[in-house]
Amino acid sequence: MDFNVKKLACGAGVFFTRAVQFTEEKLGQAEKTELDPHLENLITRADSTKNWTEKILRQTEVLLQPNPIDHTGARIEEFIYDKLDKKLPSRTTNTELLGQYMLEAANEFGPGTPYGSTLITVGEYQKRLGGAERDLLQASAVGFLTPLRNFLEGDWRTISKERRLLENRRLDLDICKARLKKAKLAEAKAAAAPDFQETRPRNYVLSASASALLSEEADKVSTSTCGHSLRGICACLKLLSCPVQMRLQAEHELRVAQAEFDRQAEVTKLLLEGIGSTHLNHLRCLQDFAEAQATYYAQCHHHMQDLQRELSRCANSISTPHSAPVVCPDPVSSAFLSGPPSPGASVSSLSSQRPLAMEQTQLPVTGTRKAKVLYDYEGHDGTELSLLADELITVHTVPGMDPDWLIGERGNQKGKVPVTYLELLS
């Protein structure tokens, strides 16, 4: 290994100088160049964008993959397949795995038994829910998580690098300003009380007093060659160590440092102004993510409605005496044929009220009864009655009617209503 001691010592010296400079700035003992207010606002906005993007990305990953162990494994698997330049295979979701277990259990218990047939029905719908969840994960990863991660791992790293360079240019500029200030003070002190015996750096030029004295001695040399005049010239040449050269050198270094600082400030400003374009890109990604979520929850709600109807038919068939075991009908593909459910319906409410709905469908509706509406329902055609949550309606049944439906009346309005949306009152 090439171990460069000189380079290491130089780096340590720069680090120590920067530490001293930062400390003096914090204590107010050193001058600090202030950035342009517009640039300061851009930096603040960029920092806020970075921090909130990290939080949103991390929490979205937790939402889509709640188990931290599974999440870590998924990231490692994604990293390996990316390095191998291979397509990441689709992973089986927990809901799909649950549905598979239910189907295997039904085969062991007997698909002809009530319990086995119900396991088949629920298992099939669990697999459908798992498929919808997998589609959500894939759409969210491609349309939302990947752009956020690309910003943090790509654009933000470039911005951070340029900001570090800008900070170094600012520190160099402040050092040059402090050096020029010291040079001017030394020059003023030397002009006020010159000291010929003082030992000074070799790269100084003559001050005004020394230049006048040197000119005077030069005139004497032109008229006389006495040793006294030569000694006078030598004494004047010692004044080459005056602070003028220090001031001139400091002014030159300051001009160079100021030019480099201004150039780096413009580069950093251009990169930071691109944060606006990043916000627009993230806005489109956020809209895609919300649309993917809406599609997922609509599919889940629709699947659960169909599952409730299937379980309701199962319960009615089991409650009816038969000579042979009754098998629940296989799930049909109505979930894919009919339209999406109304947005106002609540999936969680439907799941919590499922046992109640099943029990209600088994109760015969004799005559006219009052019923409370559990959720909003929008009629699909003129034969159905639209419902509002928490309202009271009058319901009754007619011979030969589908057990999943009742005839509902509200004032002069009348139409079919689904039993799963009602709570029958005694």
Protein backbone atom coordinates (compact mmCIF):
# COMPACT_ATOMS: atom_id res chain seq x y z
CA MET A 1 0.00 0.00 0.00
CA ASP A 2 1.37 3.42 -0.94
CA PHE A 3 1.42 5.30 2.36
CA ASN A 4 2.14 8.98 1.69
CA VAL A 5 3.23 10.56 4.98
CA LYS A 6 3.55 14.02 3.49
CA LYS A 7 0.01 13.92 2.11
CA LEU A 8 -1.31 12.62 5.41
CA ALA A 9 0.45 15.41 7.33
CA CYS A 10 -0.91 18.00 4.89
CA GLY A 11 -4.45 16.67 5.32
CA ALA A 12 -4.11 16.72 9.09
CA GLY A 13 -2.90 20.30 8.94
CA VAL A 14 -5.84 21.37 6.80
CA PHE A 15 -8.22 19.61 9.15
CA PHE A 16 -6.70 21.36 12.18
CA THR A 17 -6.84 24.74 10.43
CA ARG A 18 -10.50 24.22 9.52
CA ALA A 19 -11.32 23.19 13.09
CA VAL A 20 -9.68 26.32 14.48
CA GLN A 21 -11.47 28.48 11.92
CA PHE A 22 -14.90 26.97 12.70
CA THR A 23 -14.28 27.46 16.42
CA GLU A 24 -13.34 31.11 15.95
CA GLU A 25 -16.44 31.67 13.81
CA LYS A 26 -18.67 30.14 16.47
CA LEU A 27 -17.07 32.35 19.13
CA GLY A 28 -17.34 35.44 16.94
CA GLN A 29 -13.58 35.90 16.79
CA ALA A 30 -13.24 35.42 13.02
CA GLU A 31 -14.90 36.99 10.03
CA LYS A 32 -17.43 34.85 8.19
CA THR A 33 -18.56 35.48 4.64
CA GLU A 34 -22.35 35.40 4.43
CA LEU A 35 -23.96 33.67 1.49
CA ASP A 36 -26.47 35.31 -0.80
CA PRO A 37 -30.00 35.31 0.79
CA HIS A 38 -31.42 33.57 -2.29
CA LEU A 39 -28.75 30.89 -2.02
CA GLU A 40 -29.47 30.48 1.70
CA ASN A 41 -33.16 29.96 0.96
CA LEU A 42 -32.32 27.37 -1.71
CA ILE A 43 -30.08 25.50 0.74
CA THR A 44 -32.79 25.49 3.41
CA ARG A 45 -35.35 24.25 0.91
CA ALA A 46 -33.02 21.51 -0.32
CA ASP A 47 -32.28 20.31 3.22
CA SER A 48 -35.99 20.17 4.00
CA THR A 49 -36.65 18.23 0.77
CA LYS A 50 -33.95 15.72 1.60
CA ASN A 51 -35.11 15.17 5.19
CA TRP A 52 -38.78 14.72 4.34
CA THR A 53 -38.01 12.53 1.33
CA GLU A 54 -36.05 10.19 3.60
CA LYS A 55 -38.92 10.03 6.11
CA ILE A 56 -41.59 9.45 3.44
CA LEU A 57 -39.49 6.78 1.75
CA ARG A 58 -38.77 4.95 5.00
CA GLN A 59 -42.39 5.05 6.19
CA THR A 60 -43.75 3.95 2.80
CA GLU A 61 -41.44 0.95 2.89
CA VAL A 62 -42.72 0.14 6.38
CA LEU A 63 -46.32 0.48 5.16
CA LEU A 64 -45.81 -1.83 2.21
CA GLN A 65 -43.61 -4.29 4.12
CA PRO A 66 -44.48 -4.02 7.85
CA ASN A 67 -42.08 -6.76 8.98
CA PRO A 68 -38.58 -5.22 9.32
CA ILE A 69 -36.93 -8.63 8.78
CA ASP A 70 -38.85 -9.21 5.57
CA HIS A 71 -38.09 -5.66 4.50
CA THR A 72 -34.34 -6.12 5.06
CA GLY A 73 -34.39 -9.44 3.22
CA ALA A 74 -36.28 -7.87 0.33
CA ARG A 75 -33.72 -5.07 0.06
CA ILE A 76 -30.82 -7.54 0.10
CA GLU A 77 -32.51 -9.70 -2.53
CA GLU A 78 -33.21 -6.64 -4.67
CA PHE A 79 -29.56 -5.54 -4.34
CA ILE A 80 -28.23 -8.96 -5.37
CA TYR A 81 -30.48 -9.25 -8.41
CA ASP A 82 -29.60 -5.71 -9.43
CA LYS A 83 -25.88 -6.49 -9.29
CA LEU A 84 -26.44 -9.68 -11.29
CA ASP A 85 -28.46 -7.66 -13.82
CA LYS A 86 -31.39 -10.04 -13.52
CA LYS A 87 -35.10 -9.41 -13.13
CA LEU A 88 -36.35 -9.71 -9.57
CA PRO A 89 -38.94 -12.52 -9.34
CA SER A 90 -42.35 -11.68 -7.90
CA ARG A 91 -42.65 -12.67 -4.25
CA THR A 92 -45.67 -14.46 -2.78
CA THR A 93 -47.55 -12.17 -0.41
CA ASN A 94 -48.66 -13.25 3.05
CA THR A 95 -52.30 -13.09 1.96
CA GLU A 96 -51.66 -15.41 -0.98
CA LEU A 97 -49.80 -17.78 1.33
CA LEU A 98 -52.77 -17.80 3.70
CA GLY A 99 -55.11 -18.62 0.84
CA GLN A 100 -52.84 -21.48 -0.25
CA TYR A 101 -52.83 -22.91 3.27
CA MET A 102 -56.63 -22.76 3.35
CA LEU A 103 -56.90 -24.65 0.07
CA GLU A 104 -54.49 -27.33 1.26
CA ALA A 105 -56.42 -27.66 4.54
CA ALA A 106 -59.69 -28.01 2.60
CA ASN A 107 -58.26 -30.87 0.55
CA GLU A 108 -57.24 -32.65 3.74
CA PHE A 109 -60.52 -32.09 5.59
CA GLY A 110 -62.57 -32.93 2.53
CA PRO A 111 -63.86 -30.42 0.00
CA GLY A 112 -67.33 -31.95 0.27
CA THR A 113 -67.72 -31.00 3.95
CA PRO A 114 -69.21 -27.64 4.92
CA TYR A 115 -65.97 -26.58 6.59
CA GLY A 116 -63.83 -27.73 3.67
CA SER A 117 -65.99 -26.05 1.05
CA THR A 118 -65.96 -22.81 3.06
CA LEU A 119 -62.18 -23.01 3.34
CA ILE A 120 -62.00 -23.31 -0.45
CA THR A 121 -64.23 -20.28 -0.90
CA VAL A 122 -62.33 -18.07 1.54
CA GLY A 123 -58.95 -19.34 0.33
CA GLU A 124 -59.71 -18.42 -3.27
CA TYR A 125 -60.66 -14.90 -2.27
CA GLN A 126 -57.58 -14.60 -0.07
CA LYS A 127 -55.46 -15.41 -3.11
CA ARG A 128 -57.29 -12.74 -5.07
CA LEU A 129 -56.60 -10.23 -2.30
CA GLY A 130 -52.95 -11.29 -2.32
CA GLY A 131 -52.75 -10.76 -6.06
CA ALA A 132 -54.12 -7.25 -5.67
CA GLU A 133 -51.59 -6.60 -2.91
CA ARG A 134 -48.74 -7.82 -5.12
CA ASP A 135 -49.86 -5.47 -7.88
CA LEU A 136 -49.84 -2.59 -5.37
CA LEU A 137 -46.32 -3.46 -4.19
CA GLN A 138 -44.99 -3.60 -7.74
CA ALA A 139 -46.68 -0.38 -8.83
CA SER A 140 -45.53 1.45 -5.70
CA ALA A 141 -41.94 0.24 -6.03
CA VAL A 142 -41.66 1.30 -9.67
CA GLY A 143 -43.71 4.49 -9.62
CA PHE A 144 -43.01 5.92 -6.16
CA LEU A 145 -40.18 4.33 -4.15
CA THR A 146 -37.63 4.12 -6.97
CA PRO A 147 -37.81 7.85 -7.93
CA LEU A 148 -37.44 8.89 -4.28
CA ARG A 149 -34.49 6.55 -3.79
CA ASN A 150 -32.86 7.76 -7.03
CA PHE A 151 -33.06 11.35 -5.78
CA LEU A 152 -31.40 10.52 -2.46
CA GLU A 153 -28.71 8.30 -3.96
CA GLY A 154 -28.06 10.36 -7.11
CA ASP A 155 -29.04 14.01 -7.26
CA TRP A 156 -28.62 14.67 -3.56
CA ARG A 157 -25.10 13.23 -3.48
CA THR A 158 -24.10 15.59 -6.29
CA ILE A 159 -25.64 18.54 -4.46
CA SER A 160 -23.89 17.60 -1.23
CA LYS A 161 -20.52 17.35 -2.99
CA GLU A 162 -20.88 20.80 -4.54
CA ARG A 163 -22.01 22.27 -1.23
CA ARG A 164 -18.90 20.91 0.49
CA LEU A 165 -16.77 22.52 -2.21
CA LEU A 166 -18.61 25.80 -1.70
CA GLU A 167 -17.98 25.64 2.04
CA ASN A 168 -14.27 25.05 1.44
CA ARG A 169 -14.15 28.00 -0.96
CA ARG A 170 -15.83 30.17 1.66
CA LEU A 171 -13.31 29.16 4.32
CA ASP A 172 -10.43 29.90 1.93
CA LEU A 173 -11.95 33.29 1.19
CA ASP A 174 -12.26 34.11 4.88
CA ILE A 175 -8.63 33.11 5.45
CA CYS A 176 -7.53 35.44 2.64
CA LYS A 177 -9.60 38.28 4.10
CA ALA A 178 -8.04 37.78 7.52
CA ARG A 179 -4.55 37.65 5.98
CA LEU A 180 -5.12 40.89 4.08
CA LYS A 181 -6.40 42.58 7.20
CA LYS A 182 -3.25 41.60 9.12
CA ALA A 183 -1.05 42.78 6.27
CA LYS A 184 -2.69 46.20 6.23
CA LEU A 185 -2.29 46.54 9.99
CA ALA A 186 1.39 45.58 9.74
CA GLU A 187 1.93 48.05 6.91
CA ALA A 188 0.30 50.86 8.85
CA LYS A 189 2.38 50.09 11.92
CA ALA A 190 5.60 49.96 9.88
CA ALA A 191 4.82 53.24 8.14
CA ALA A 192 4.19 54.94 11.47
CA ALA A 193 7.39 53.70 13.19
CA PRO A 194 9.88 52.02 10.81
CA ASP A 195 12.49 49.85 12.46
CA PHE A 196 15.63 49.25 10.42
CA GLN A 197 16.90 46.60 12.77
CA GLU A 198 13.77 44.49 12.52
CA THR A 199 14.14 41.19 10.76
CA ARG A 200 11.40 40.77 8.16
CA PRO A 201 10.55 38.25 5.44
CA ARG A 202 12.63 38.46 2.28
CA ASN A 203 9.78 38.93 -0.13
CA TYR A 204 8.76 42.40 1.12
CA VAL A 205 9.12 45.51 -1.10
CA LEU A 206 9.98 49.02 -0.02
CA SER A 207 7.58 51.19 1.85
CA ALA A 208 7.22 54.86 0.95
CA SER A 209 9.80 56.03 3.53
CA ALA A 210 12.26 53.34 2.49
CA SER A 211 11.85 54.23 -1.18
CA ALA A 212 12.60 57.88 -0.45
CA LEU A 213 15.66 56.97 1.58
CA LEU A 214 16.90 54.60 -1.12
CA SER A 215 16.50 57.30 -3.78
CA GLU A 216 18.45 59.73 -1.66
CA GLU A 217 21.30 57.26 -1.17
CA ALA A 218 21.31 56.45 -4.87
CA ASP A 219 21.80 60.13 -5.68
CA LYS A 220 24.77 60.19 -3.31
CA VAL A 221 26.27 57.18 -5.07
CA SER A 222 26.04 58.99 -8.40
CA THR A 223 28.14 61.90 -7.02
CA SER A 224 30.35 60.06 -4.56
CA THR A 225 31.69 56.58 -4.11
CA CYS A 226 32.32 56.85 -0.40
CA GLY A 227 31.72 53.83 1.73
CA HIS A 228 29.22 55.75 3.79
CA SER A 229 26.80 55.93 0.87
CA LEU A 230 27.23 52.24 0.11
CA ARG A 231 26.45 51.37 3.68
CA GLY A 232 23.35 53.55 3.42
CA ILE A 233 22.15 51.70 0.35
CA CYS A 234 22.61 48.36 2.10
CA ALA A 235 20.62 49.62 5.05
CA CYS A 236 17.83 50.71 2.73
CA LEU A 237 17.82 47.37 0.95
CA LYS A 238 17.05 45.71 4.26
CA LEU A 239 13.74 47.52 4.10
CA LEU A 240 12.71 45.15 1.34
CA SER A 241 11.16 43.17 4.21
CA CYS A 242 8.41 45.78 4.78
CA PRO A 243 4.68 44.74 4.83
CA VAL A 244 3.90 46.13 1.36
CA GLN A 245 4.75 42.89 -0.38
CA MET A 246 2.64 41.02 2.16
CA ARG A 247 -0.30 43.27 1.41
CA LEU A 248 0.10 42.92 -2.35
CA GLN A 249 0.35 39.14 -2.08
CA ALA A 250 -2.68 39.01 0.20
CA GLU A 251 -4.71 41.15 -2.22
CA HIS A 252 -3.84 38.83 -5.11
CA GLU A 253 -4.80 35.73 -3.13
CA LEU A 254 -8.06 37.40 -2.09
CA ARG A 255 -8.99 38.14 -5.71
CA VAL A 256 -8.32 34.53 -6.71
CA ALA A 257 -10.28 33.15 -3.72
CA GLN A 258 -13.20 35.49 -4.41
CA ALA A 259 -13.38 34.40 -8.05
CA GLU A 260 -13.34 30.71 -7.10
CA PHE A 261 -16.01 31.27 -4.43
CA ASP A 262 -18.30 33.13 -6.85
CA ARG A 263 -17.88 30.43 -9.49
CA GLN A 264 -18.69 27.65 -7.02
CA ALA A 265 -21.66 29.59 -5.66
CA GLU A 266 -23.16 29.79 -9.16
CA VAL A 267 -22.67 26.04 -9.74
CA THR A 268 -24.29 25.22 -6.40
CA LYS A 269 -27.16 27.62 -7.04
CA LEU A 270 -27.95 25.98 -10.39
CA LEU A 271 -28.09 22.55 -8.77
CA LEU A 272 -30.27 23.76 -5.90
CA GLU A 273 -32.70 25.45 -8.27
CA GLY A 274 -33.29 22.00 -9.77
CA ILE A 275 -35.10 21.04 -6.55
CA GLY A 276 -38.20 22.60 -8.08
CA SER A 277 -38.10 20.06 -10.91
CA THR A 278 -37.60 17.33 -8.31
CA HIS A 279 -40.79 18.43 -6.55
CA LEU A 280 -42.74 18.21 -9.82
CA ASN A 281 -41.41 14.73 -10.47
CA HIS A 282 -42.27 13.60 -6.95
CA LEU A 283 -45.73 15.11 -7.36
CA ARG A 284 -46.42 12.90 -10.38
CA CYS A 285 -45.06 9.89 -8.52
CA LEU A 286 -47.28 10.67 -5.53
CA GLN A 287 -50.34 10.83 -7.77
CA ASP A 288 -49.45 7.46 -9.27
CA PHE A 289 -49.02 6.01 -5.77
CA ALA A 290 -52.41 7.32 -4.64
CA GLU A 291 -54.03 5.91 -7.76
CA ALA A 292 -52.43 2.51 -7.13
CA GLN A 293 -53.72 2.57 -3.56
CA ALA A 294 -57.23 3.53 -4.68
CA THR A 295 -57.25 0.66 -7.17
CA TYR A 296 -56.01 -1.78 -4.54
CA TYR A 297 -58.56 -0.82 -1.90
CA ALA A 298 -61.39 -0.82 -4.46
CA GLN A 299 -60.44 -4.33 -5.53
CA CYS A 300 -60.25 -5.49 -1.91
CA HIS A 301 -63.64 -4.00 -1.13
CA HIS A 302 -65.16 -5.63 -4.19
CA HIS A 303 -63.62 -9.02 -3.38
CA MET A 304 -64.89 -8.85 0.20
CA GLN A 305 -68.40 -8.00 -0.97
CA ASP A 306 -68.40 -11.03 -3.24
CA LEU A 307 -66.98 -13.17 -0.45
CA GLN A 308 -69.77 -12.06 1.88
CA ARG A 309 -72.37 -13.05 -0.72
CA GLU A 310 -70.73 -16.45 -1.15
CA LEU A 311 -70.62 -17.03 2.62
CA SER A 312 -74.22 -15.88 2.89
CA ARG A 313 -75.33 -18.45 0.32
CA CYS A 314 -73.24 -21.05 2.14
CA ALA A 315 -74.92 -20.26 5.46
CA ASN A 316 -78.42 -20.37 3.94
CA SER A 317 -77.65 -23.68 2.25
CA ILE A 318 -76.35 -25.19 5.49
CA SER A 319 -79.37 -23.98 7.47
CA THR A 320 -81.71 -25.73 4.99
CA PRO A 321 -82.19 -29.48 5.73
CA HIS A 322 -80.74 -31.73 3.05
CA SER A 323 -80.25 -35.42 2.74
CA ALA A 324 -76.70 -35.02 1.47
CA PRO A 325 -73.88 -32.74 2.52
CA VAL A 326 -74.15 -29.33 0.95
CA VAL A 327 -71.14 -27.82 -0.78
CA CYS A 328 -70.81 -24.08 -1.10
CA PRO A 329 -70.66 -22.87 -4.70
CA ASP A 330 -67.23 -22.08 -6.06
CA PRO A 331 -66.32 -18.42 -6.21
CA VAL A 332 -67.28 -16.91 -9.53
CA SER A 333 -65.43 -14.24 -11.43
CA SER A 334 -68.08 -11.62 -10.76
CA ALA A 335 -65.46 -9.56 -8.98
CA PHE A 336 -63.84 -8.94 -12.33
CA LEU A 337 -67.02 -8.45 -14.36
CA SER A 338 -68.92 -5.91 -12.32
CA GLY A 339 -67.88 -2.32 -11.80
CA PRO A 340 -65.96 -0.96 -8.81
CA PRO A 341 -67.81 -0.33 -5.56
CA SER A 342 -68.95 3.06 -4.38
CA PRO A 343 -66.11 5.13 -2.83
CA GLY A 344 -68.05 5.81 0.36
CA ALA A 345 -68.14 2.18 1.41
CA SER A 346 -65.75 1.06 4.15
CA VAL A 347 -63.83 -2.18 3.82
CA SER A 348 -63.07 -2.36 7.52
CA SER A 349 -66.70 -1.87 8.42
CA LEU A 350 -67.72 -4.63 6.04
CA SER A 351 -65.20 -7.00 7.59
CA SER A 352 -66.28 -6.17 11.16
CA GLN A 353 -69.97 -6.63 10.34
CA ARG A 354 -69.54 -9.91 8.40
CA PRO A 355 -70.81 -12.27 11.15
CA LEU A 356 -73.77 -10.01 11.80
CA ALA A 357 -74.68 -9.92 8.11
CA MET A 358 -74.49 -13.69 7.86
CA GLU A 359 -76.72 -14.07 10.87
CA GLN A 360 -79.23 -11.60 9.46
CA THR A 361 -79.53 -13.41 6.15
CA GLN A 362 -80.51 -16.56 8.00
CA LEU A 363 -83.40 -14.76 9.76
CA PRO A 364 -86.59 -14.95 7.72
CA VAL A 365 -88.17 -11.60 7.06
CA THR A 366 -91.82 -12.02 7.83
CA GLY A 367 -93.98 -9.10 6.82
CA THR A 368 -92.58 -5.60 7.06
CA ARG A 369 -89.63 -4.73 9.31
CA LYS A 370 -87.46 -1.74 10.04
CA ALA A 371 -83.80 -1.86 9.10
CA LYS A 372 -80.84 0.42 9.75
CA VAL A 373 -78.45 1.10 6.86
CA LEU A 374 -74.84 0.27 7.78
CA TYR A 375 -73.03 1.77 4.79
CA ASP A 376 -73.73 3.99 1.82
CA TYR A 377 -74.94 2.13 -1.25
CA GLU A 378 -75.57 3.47 -4.73
CA GLY A 379 -78.11 1.61 -6.83
CA HIS A 380 -76.76 0.28 -10.12
CA ASP A 381 -80.07 0.53 -11.98
CA GLY A 382 -83.69 1.62 -11.51
CA THR A 383 -84.66 -1.57 -9.68
CA GLU A 384 -82.25 -0.89 -6.79
CA LEU A 385 -82.69 1.67 -4.02
CA SER A 386 -79.74 3.89 -3.11
CA LEU A 387 -78.95 4.00 0.62
CA LEU A 388 -77.28 6.38 3.07
CA ALA A 389 -75.49 5.17 6.17
CA ASP A 390 -77.42 5.31 9.48
CA GLU A 391 -80.83 5.95 7.89
CA LEU A 392 -83.89 3.81 8.71
CA ILE A 393 -85.89 2.15 5.98
CA THR A 394 -88.70 -0.39 5.77
CA VAL A 395 -87.91 -3.76 4.23
CA HIS A 396 -89.78 -6.90 3.30
CA THR A 397 -89.29 -9.93 1.07
CA VAL A 398 -91.23 -11.49 -1.74
CA PRO A 399 -91.53 -15.18 -2.66
CA GLY A 400 -88.82 -16.48 -4.96
CA MET A 401 -86.52 -13.50 -4.37
CA ASP A 402 -82.73 -13.88 -4.03
CA PRO A 403 -81.99 -14.27 -0.27
CA ASP A 404 -79.19 -11.71 -0.58
CA TRP A 405 -81.70 -8.98 -1.42
CA LEU A 406 -84.77 -7.40 0.17
CA ILE A 407 -87.34 -4.89 -1.00
CA GLY A 408 -86.66 -1.56 0.68
CA GLU A 409 -89.03 1.40 1.00
CA ARG A 410 -88.26 4.98 1.95
CA GLY A 411 -91.21 7.26 1.58
CA ASN A 412 -92.39 7.04 -2.02
CA GLN A 413 -89.14 5.37 -3.14
CA LYS A 414 -88.93 1.62 -3.48
CA GLY A 415 -86.33 -0.84 -4.77
CA LYS A 416 -84.07 -3.78 -4.06
CA VAL A 417 -81.42 -3.41 -1.34
CA PRO A 418 -78.58 -5.80 -0.39
CA VAL A 419 -78.95 -7.56 2.95
CA THR A 420 -75.25 -7.12 3.81
CA TYR A 421 -75.77 -3.35 4.01
CA LEU A 422 -78.59 -3.60 6.57
CA GLU A 423 -79.09 -4.27 10.24
CA LEU A 424 -82.57 -5.73 10.78
CA LEU A 425 -84.30 -4.26 13.81
CA SER A 426 -86.68 -6.27 15.95
